[in-house]
Amino acid sequence: MLEKIPAALAKTVSESLHIPTIGIGAGPHCDGQVLVMHDMLGINVEFKPRFLRQYLNLHEQITGAVHQYIKDVKSGDFPNEKEQY
């Protein structure tokens, strides 16, 4: 695991080892990459390192869904007759 080191150094290390290297913020010369799912999907909004590529903004959607759920429960709309036994 090579984390947050210069890409040139990661390349040198990867080329000198006979085992796979996994990078996290260490450039493209590693054998594999790690990107934490919560960061990639935009669930964590406070964490923004340079190596993070965010593919979705689930924080916004999750927050909206939770607020809608709270509103529906408080208004008595949830659960309705179809959502009970």
Protein backbone atom coordinates (compact mmCIF):
# COMPACT_ATOMS: atom_id res chain seq x y z
CA MET A 1 0.00 0.00 0.00
CA LEU A 2 1.52 3.28 -1.15
CA GLU A 3 -0.40 6.25 0.18
CA LYS A 4 0.09 9.93 -0.64
CA ILE A 5 3.61 9.63 -1.97
CA PRO A 6 4.97 11.23 -5.16
CA ALA A 7 4.00 9.31 -8.31
CA ALA A 8 7.65 9.00 -9.39
CA LEU A 9 8.53 7.34 -6.08
CA ALA A 10 5.55 5.00 -6.36
CA LYS A 11 6.74 4.02 -9.85
CA THR A 12 10.24 3.28 -8.56
CA VAL A 13 8.91 1.22 -5.67
CA SER A 14 6.43 -0.68 -7.88
CA GLU A 15 9.11 -1.51 -10.45
CA SER A 16 11.49 -2.75 -7.77
CA LEU A 17 9.06 -5.13 -6.08
CA HIS A 18 7.86 -8.55 -7.18
CA ILE A 19 4.57 -8.15 -5.34
CA PRO A 20 1.64 -5.95 -6.39
CA THR A 21 1.44 -2.40 -5.09
CA ILE A 22 -1.82 -0.65 -4.35
CA GLY A 23 -1.96 3.12 -4.52
CA ILE A 24 -4.10 5.68 -2.80
CA GLY A 25 -3.05 9.10 -3.98
CA ALA A 26 0.26 7.71 -5.28
CA GLY A 27 -0.25 8.05 -9.04
CA PRO A 28 -0.98 5.62 -11.86
CA HIS A 29 2.10 3.38 -11.70
CA CYS A 30 0.80 1.08 -8.96
CA ASP A 31 -0.73 -2.28 -9.81
CA GLY A 32 -4.09 -1.31 -8.32
CA GLN A 33 -5.92 1.67 -6.86
CA VAL A 34 -8.00 2.27 -3.75
CA LEU A 35 -10.83 4.77 -3.62
CA VAL A 36 -13.07 4.60 -0.57
CA MET A 37 -16.68 4.05 -1.60
CA HIS A 38 -18.12 6.72 0.72
CA ASP A 39 -15.73 9.29 -0.74
CA MET A 40 -16.28 8.21 -4.35
CA LEU A 41 -20.07 8.34 -3.99
CA GLY A 42 -20.07 11.72 -2.27
CA ILE A 43 -21.41 10.54 1.08
CA ASN A 44 -18.54 12.20 2.97
CA VAL A 45 -18.57 15.87 2.07
CA GLU A 46 -15.91 17.18 4.47
CA PHE A 47 -13.08 15.01 3.11
CA LYS A 48 -11.63 16.41 -0.14
CA PRO A 49 -8.04 15.23 -0.70
CA ARG A 50 -6.44 15.86 -4.07
CA PHE A 51 -6.56 12.18 -5.06
CA LEU A 52 -10.33 11.89 -4.52
CA ARG A 53 -12.51 11.73 -7.62
CA GLN A 54 -16.15 12.03 -6.61
CA TYR A 55 -18.48 10.26 -9.06
CA LEU A 56 -21.81 11.04 -7.35
CA ASN A 57 -23.23 13.41 -4.75
CA LEU A 58 -25.20 10.99 -2.62
CA HIS A 59 -24.91 13.26 0.43
CA GLU A 60 -27.39 15.64 -1.16
CA GLN A 61 -29.79 12.85 -2.14
CA ILE A 62 -29.54 11.06 1.21
CA THR A 63 -30.07 14.29 3.13
CA GLY A 64 -33.11 15.09 1.00
CA ALA A 65 -34.56 11.61 1.52
CA VAL A 66 -34.09 11.79 5.30
CA HIS A 67 -35.73 15.23 5.47
CA GLN A 68 -38.66 13.95 3.39
CA TYR A 69 -39.02 10.90 5.66
CA ILE A 70 -39.09 13.13 8.78
CA LYS A 71 -41.67 15.39 7.14
CA ASP A 72 -43.85 12.42 6.13
CA VAL A 73 -43.73 10.90 9.64
CA LYS A 74 -44.50 14.21 11.36
CA SER A 75 -47.40 14.94 9.02
CA GLY A 76 -48.86 11.47 9.51
CA ASP A 77 -48.44 10.58 5.84
CA PHE A 78 -46.08 7.69 6.68
CA PRO A 79 -47.01 4.96 7.16
CA ASN A 80 -50.22 5.05 5.15
CA GLU A 81 -52.79 2.24 4.77
CA LYS A 82 -50.80 0.50 2.03
CA GLU A 83 -47.66 0.47 4.19
CA GLN A 84 -49.07 -1.51 7.10
CA TYR A 85 -50.51 -4.95 7.85
